[in-house]
């Protein structure tokens, strides 16, 4: 898995956003206490935290937990847990459609029997909806690109470099 900074860079590239857009959303989520912060040391971030940042980017930072906790209409895991599973293994996802006006989402994927399945998620309480519809569609190419970037992220070391590496560059650049 990747660190938070590497995951934000991967989100920016997958969604084709300007640089540091996902990092701005991640900082807002950390300030609100939605994502745990690890100051000073790079730690790997889980798929659930990446799903929260993704939801914050496509909807808003204020309603992330409303979307994350949406129950499935057929029963089962919440939207956040299901999205985190597809971020880790996006092989069978076809489409994610998020309703931007009220917390609702639809996932279309290939099931174990190789048939196409649709899961719909809605908030428990109904909210008034405006007359226009605003839907955000995330295709499979976004999650596939994101998963590949997260899995191929280089390992980040915390602390100083080993002693032999610290002086190697100095020795090679200064020749007597």
C-alpha atoms as a PDB file:
ATOM      1  CA  UNK A   1       0.000   0.000   0.000  1.00  0.00           C
ATOM      2  CA  UNK A   2       0.972   3.611  -0.429  1.00  0.00           C
ATOM      3  CA  UNK A   3       1.415   6.449   2.002  1.00  0.00           C
ATOM      4  CA  UNK A   4      -1.177   9.221   2.154  1.00  0.00           C
ATOM      5  CA  UNK A   5       0.896  11.495  -0.075  1.00  0.00           C
ATOM      6  CA  UNK A   6       1.451   8.770  -2.672  1.00  0.00           C
ATOM      7  CA  UNK A   7      -2.260   7.883  -2.618  1.00  0.00           C
ATOM      8  CA  UNK A   8      -3.221  11.534  -3.137  1.00  0.00           C
ATOM      9  CA  UNK A   9      -0.842  11.822  -6.102  1.00  0.00           C
ATOM     10  CA  UNK A  10      -2.347   8.607  -7.532  1.00  0.00           C
ATOM     11  CA  UNK A  11      -5.876  10.004  -7.064  1.00  0.00           C
ATOM     12  CA  UNK A  12      -4.917  13.227  -8.840  1.00  0.00           C
ATOM     13  CA  UNK A  13      -3.501  11.267 -11.765  1.00  0.00           C
ATOM     14  CA  UNK A  14      -6.398   8.793 -11.955  1.00  0.00           C
ATOM     15  CA  UNK A  15      -9.058  11.511 -11.877  1.00  0.00           C
ATOM     16  CA  UNK A  16      -6.947  13.877 -14.025  1.00  0.00           C
ATOM     17  CA  UNK A  17      -7.110  16.674 -11.463  1.00  0.00           C
ATOM     18  CA  UNK A  18      -4.677  19.543 -10.906  1.00  0.00           C
ATOM     19  CA  UNK A  19      -1.751  18.649  -8.628  1.00  0.00           C
ATOM     20  CA  UNK A  20      -2.411  18.575  -4.873  1.00  0.00           C
ATOM     21  CA  UNK A  21      -6.219  18.621  -5.182  1.00  0.00           C
ATOM     22  CA  UNK A  22      -6.579  15.276  -3.409  1.00  0.00           C
ATOM     23  CA  UNK A  23      -4.012  16.362  -0.817  1.00  0.00           C
ATOM     24  CA  UNK A  24      -6.143  19.420  -0.036  1.00  0.00           C
ATOM     25  CA  UNK A  25      -9.198  17.207   0.517  1.00  0.00           C
ATOM     26  CA  UNK A  26      -7.144  14.794   2.645  1.00  0.00           C
ATOM     27  CA  UNK A  27      -5.982  17.657   4.850  1.00  0.00           C
ATOM     28  CA  UNK A  28      -9.578  18.811   5.320  1.00  0.00           C
ATOM     29  CA  UNK A  29     -10.621  15.279   6.284  1.00  0.00           C
ATOM     30  CA  UNK A  30      -7.707  15.027   8.735  1.00  0.00           C
ATOM     31  CA  UNK A  31      -8.672  18.355  10.295  1.00  0.00           C
ATOM     32  CA  UNK A  32     -12.244  17.098  10.729  1.00  0.00           C
ATOM     33  CA  UNK A  33     -10.975  13.869  12.346  1.00  0.00           C
ATOM     34  CA  UNK A  34     -12.340  11.584   9.613  1.00  0.00           C
ATOM     35  CA  UNK A  35      -8.923  10.286   8.573  1.00  0.00           C
ATOM     36  CA  UNK A  36      -6.276   9.573  11.224  1.00  0.00           C
ATOM     37  CA  UNK A  37      -3.203  11.738  11.029  1.00  0.00           C
ATOM     38  CA  UNK A  38       0.355  10.546  11.476  1.00  0.00           C
ATOM     39  CA  UNK A  39       2.546  13.560  11.843  1.00  0.00           C
ATOM     40  CA  UNK A  40       6.201  13.308  10.996  1.00  0.00           C
ATOM     41  CA  UNK A  41       6.330   9.689   9.884  1.00  0.00           C
ATOM     42  CA  UNK A  42       5.071   8.224   6.635  1.00  0.00           C
ATOM     43  CA  UNK A  43       2.591   5.425   7.264  1.00  0.00           C
ATOM     44  CA  UNK A  44       0.670   3.336   4.805  1.00  0.00           C
ATOM     45  CA  UNK A  45      -2.921   4.397   4.339  1.00  0.00           C
ATOM     46  CA  UNK A  46      -5.707   1.839   4.057  1.00  0.00           C
ATOM     47  CA  UNK A  47      -8.217   1.413   1.263  1.00  0.00           C
ATOM     48  CA  UNK A  48     -11.008   2.790   3.479  1.00  0.00           C
ATOM     49  CA  UNK A  49      -9.137   6.079   3.914  1.00  0.00           C
ATOM     50  CA  UNK A  50      -8.489   6.269   0.164  1.00  0.00           C
ATOM     51  CA  UNK A  51     -12.225   5.679  -0.384  1.00  0.00           C
ATOM     52  CA  UNK A  52     -13.012   8.574   1.978  1.00  0.00           C
ATOM     53  CA  UNK A  53     -10.675  10.887   0.064  1.00  0.00           C
ATOM     54  CA  UNK A  54     -12.227   9.776  -3.234  1.00  0.00           C
ATOM     55  CA  UNK A  55     -15.742  10.467  -1.931  1.00  0.00           C
ATOM     56  CA  UNK A  56     -14.615  13.881  -0.656  1.00  0.00           C
ATOM     57  CA  UNK A  57     -13.224  14.766  -4.077  1.00  0.00           C
ATOM     58  CA  UNK A  58     -16.310  13.837  -6.065  1.00  0.00           C
ATOM     59  CA  UNK A  59     -18.958  15.090  -3.632  1.00  0.00           C
ATOM     60  CA  UNK A  60     -17.915  17.338  -0.757  1.00  0.00           C
ATOM     61  CA  UNK A  61     -15.780  17.108   2.336  1.00  0.00           C
ATOM     62  CA  UNK A  62     -18.756  17.804   4.601  1.00  0.00           C
ATOM     63  CA  UNK A  63     -20.851  14.760   3.617  1.00  0.00           C
ATOM     64  CA  UNK A  64     -18.164  12.077   3.390  1.00  0.00           C
ATOM     65  CA  UNK A  65     -19.392  10.042   6.330  1.00  0.00           C
ATOM     66  CA  UNK A  66     -22.998  10.208   5.077  1.00  0.00           C
ATOM     67  CA  UNK A  67     -21.868   8.498   1.865  1.00  0.00           C
ATOM     68  CA  UNK A  68     -19.429   6.179   3.616  1.00  0.00           C
ATOM     69  CA  UNK A  69     -22.057   4.790   6.017  1.00  0.00           C
ATOM     70  CA  UNK A  70     -24.859   4.304   3.464  1.00  0.00           C
ATOM     71  CA  UNK A  71     -26.353   0.828   3.843  1.00  0.00           C
ATOM     72  CA  UNK A  72     -26.974  -1.412   0.865  1.00  0.00           C
ATOM     73  CA  UNK A  73     -30.626  -1.729  -0.083  1.00  0.00           C
ATOM     74  CA  UNK A  74     -30.214  -5.509  -0.456  1.00  0.00           C
ATOM     75  CA  UNK A  75     -28.381  -5.842   2.878  1.00  0.00           C
ATOM     76  CA  UNK A  76     -24.693  -6.393   3.413  1.00  0.00           C
ATOM     77  CA  UNK A  77     -21.741  -4.092   3.782  1.00  0.00           C
ATOM     78  CA  UNK A  78     -21.944  -0.308   3.703  1.00  0.00           C
ATOM     79  CA  UNK A  79     -20.942   1.751   0.676  1.00  0.00           C
ATOM     80  CA  UNK A  80     -17.584   2.700   2.165  1.00  0.00           C
ATOM     81  CA  UNK A  81     -16.592  -0.903   2.874  1.00  0.00           C
ATOM     82  CA  UNK A  82     -17.717  -2.033  -0.573  1.00  0.00           C
ATOM     83  CA  UNK A  83     -15.858   0.808  -2.296  1.00  0.00           C
ATOM     84  CA  UNK A  84     -12.719   0.030  -0.265  1.00  0.00           C
ATOM     85  CA  UNK A  85     -12.884  -3.605  -1.438  1.00  0.00           C
ATOM     86  CA  UNK A  86     -13.125  -2.471  -5.064  1.00  0.00           C
ATOM     87  CA  UNK A  87     -10.222  -0.037  -4.594  1.00  0.00           C
ATOM     88  CA  UNK A  88      -8.056  -2.948  -3.438  1.00  0.00           C
ATOM     89  CA  UNK A  89      -9.293  -5.321  -6.179  1.00  0.00           C
ATOM     90  CA  UNK A  90     -10.924  -3.401  -9.055  1.00  0.00           C
ATOM     91  CA  UNK A  91     -10.926  -6.311 -11.513  1.00  0.00           C
ATOM     92  CA  UNK A  92     -14.672  -6.822 -11.631  1.00  0.00           C
ATOM     93  CA  UNK A  93     -16.051  -3.285 -11.306  1.00  0.00           C
ATOM     94  CA  UNK A  94     -17.948  -1.793 -14.236  1.00  0.00           C
ATOM     95  CA  UNK A  95     -19.411   1.442 -12.955  1.00  0.00           C
ATOM     96  CA  UNK A  96     -19.835   3.592  -9.850  1.00  0.00           C
ATOM     97  CA  UNK A  97     -22.536   6.252  -9.979  1.00  0.00           C
ATOM     98  CA  UNK A  98     -22.807   8.728  -7.105  1.00  0.00           C
ATOM     99  CA  UNK A  99     -25.743  11.080  -6.656  1.00  0.00           C
ATOM    100  CA  UNK A 100     -24.283  14.454  -5.720  1.00  0.00           C
ATOM    101  CA  UNK A 101     -27.523  15.986  -4.409  1.00  0.00           C
ATOM    102  CA  UNK A 102     -28.443  13.353  -1.814  1.00  0.00           C
ATOM    103  CA  UNK A 103     -26.417  10.450  -0.430  1.00  0.00           C
ATOM    104  CA  UNK A 104     -27.089   7.632  -2.877  1.00  0.00           C
ATOM    105  CA  UNK A 105     -24.857   5.440  -5.010  1.00  0.00           C
ATOM    106  CA  UNK A 106     -24.987   2.526  -7.421  1.00  0.00           C
ATOM    107  CA  UNK A 107     -22.264  -0.054  -8.069  1.00  0.00           C
ATOM    108  CA  UNK A 108     -22.291  -2.300 -11.137  1.00  0.00           C
ATOM    109  CA  UNK A 109     -19.879  -5.239 -11.021  1.00  0.00           C
ATOM    110  CA  UNK A 110     -19.338  -8.805 -12.188  1.00  0.00           C
ATOM    111  CA  UNK A 111     -20.438 -11.318  -9.555  1.00  0.00           C
ATOM    112  CA  UNK A 112     -18.884 -14.683  -8.762  1.00  0.00           C
ATOM    113  CA  UNK A 113     -21.231 -16.397 -11.243  1.00  0.00           C
ATOM    114  CA  UNK A 114     -19.924 -14.045 -14.005  1.00  0.00           C
ATOM    115  CA  UNK A 115     -23.259 -12.250 -14.235  1.00  0.00           C
ATOM    116  CA  UNK A 116     -23.628  -8.489 -13.916  1.00  0.00           C
ATOM    117  CA  UNK A 117     -24.891  -7.381 -10.488  1.00  0.00           C
ATOM    118  CA  UNK A 118     -26.041  -3.987  -9.306  1.00  0.00           C
ATOM    119  CA  UNK A 119     -25.901  -2.779  -5.716  1.00  0.00           C
ATOM    120  CA  UNK A 120     -27.738   0.365  -4.727  1.00  0.00           C
ATOM    121  CA  UNK A 121     -27.013   2.359  -1.589  1.00  0.00           C
ATOM    122  CA  UNK A 122     -29.255   4.995  -0.029  1.00  0.00           C
ATOM    123  CA  UNK A 123     -29.254   7.009   3.151  1.00  0.00           C
ATOM    124  CA  UNK A 124     -31.664   5.792   5.809  1.00  0.00           C
ATOM    125  CA  UNK A 125     -33.501   9.100   6.009  1.00  0.00           C
ATOM    126  CA  UNK A 126     -34.928  10.717   2.903  1.00  0.00           C
ATOM    127  CA  UNK A 127     -33.879  14.261   2.075  1.00  0.00           C
ATOM    128  CA  UNK A 128     -35.651  16.721  -0.217  1.00  0.00           C
ATOM    129  CA  UNK A 129     -34.170  16.672  -3.701  1.00  0.00           C
ATOM    130  CA  UNK A 130     -33.829  19.530  -6.158  1.00  0.00           C
ATOM    131  CA  UNK A 131     -35.412  19.335  -9.585  1.00  0.00           C
ATOM    132  CA  UNK A 132     -32.144  18.784 -11.441  1.00  0.00           C
ATOM    133  CA  UNK A 133     -30.078  15.652 -11.177  1.00  0.00           C
ATOM    134  CA  UNK A 134     -26.341  15.671 -10.682  1.00  0.00           C
ATOM    135  CA  UNK A 135     -24.634  12.324 -10.953  1.00  0.00           C
ATOM    136  CA  UNK A 136     -20.952  11.505 -10.897  1.00  0.00           C
ATOM    137  CA  UNK A 137     -19.834   8.446 -12.846  1.00  0.00           C
ATOM    138  CA  UNK A 138     -16.541   6.733 -12.049  1.00  0.00           C
ATOM    139  CA  UNK A 139     -15.591   4.187 -14.668  1.00  0.00           C
ATOM    140  CA  UNK A 140     -13.468   1.090 -14.231  1.00  0.00           C
ATOM    141  CA  UNK A 141     -10.390   2.740 -15.751  1.00  0.00           C
ATOM    142  CA  UNK A 142     -10.179   5.135 -12.792  1.00  0.00           C
ATOM    143  CA  UNK A 143     -10.152   2.394 -10.161  1.00  0.00           C
ATOM    144  CA  UNK A 144      -7.810   0.175 -12.178  1.00  0.00           C
ATOM    145  CA  UNK A 145      -5.334   3.030 -12.629  1.00  0.00           C
ATOM    146  CA  UNK A 146      -5.648   3.945  -8.944  1.00  0.00           C
ATOM    147  CA  UNK A 147      -5.100   0.378  -7.735  1.00  0.00           C
ATOM    148  CA  UNK A 148      -2.056  -0.052  -9.961  1.00  0.00           C
ATOM    149  CA  UNK A 149      -0.524   3.206  -8.730  1.00  0.00           C
ATOM    150  CA  UNK A 150      -1.144   2.293  -5.090  1.00  0.00           C
ATOM    151  CA  UNK A 151       0.307  -1.203  -5.406  1.00  0.00           C
ATOM    152  CA  UNK A 152       3.384  -0.033  -7.294  1.00  0.00           C
ATOM    153  CA  UNK A 153       4.186   2.795  -4.873  1.00  0.00           C
ATOM    154  CA  UNK A 154       7.753   2.554  -3.593  1.00  0.00           C
ATOM    155  CA  UNK A 155       8.378   1.726   0.030  1.00  0.00           C
ATOM    156  CA  UNK A 156       9.039   4.806   2.129  1.00  0.00           C
ATOM    157  CA  UNK A 157      11.707   4.638   4.779  1.00  0.00           C
ATOM    158  CA  UNK A 158      11.412   6.627   7.947  1.00  0.00           C
ATOM    159  CA  UNK A 159      14.544   8.029   9.470  1.00  0.00           C
ATOM    160  CA  UNK A 160      18.037   8.640   8.226  1.00  0.00           C
ATOM    161  CA  UNK A 161      19.754   6.786   5.447  1.00  0.00           C
ATOM    162  CA  UNK A 162      22.312   4.169   6.462  1.00  0.00           C
ATOM    163  CA  UNK A 163      25.802   5.495   7.147  1.00  0.00           C
ATOM    164  CA  UNK A 164      27.380   4.068   4.000  1.00  0.00           C
ATOM    165  CA  UNK A 165      24.745   5.738   1.794  1.00  0.00           C
ATOM    166  CA  UNK A 166      25.171   9.106   3.476  1.00  0.00           C
ATOM    167  CA  UNK A 167      28.840   9.382   2.564  1.00  0.00           C
ATOM    168  CA  UNK A 168      28.780   7.587  -0.765  1.00  0.00           C
ATOM    169  CA  UNK A 169      27.579  10.603  -2.719  1.00  0.00           C
ATOM    170  CA  UNK A 170      30.204  12.818  -1.079  1.00  0.00           C
ATOM    171  CA  UNK A 171      33.015  10.407  -1.881  1.00  0.00           C
ATOM    172  CA  UNK A 172      32.036  10.036  -5.521  1.00  0.00           C
ATOM    173  CA  UNK A 173      31.639  13.744  -6.129  1.00  0.00           C
ATOM    174  CA  UNK A 174      34.908  14.762  -4.458  1.00  0.00           C
ATOM    175  CA  UNK A 175      37.859  13.149  -6.107  1.00  0.00           C
ATOM    176  CA  UNK A 176      41.393  14.037  -5.086  1.00  0.00           C
END
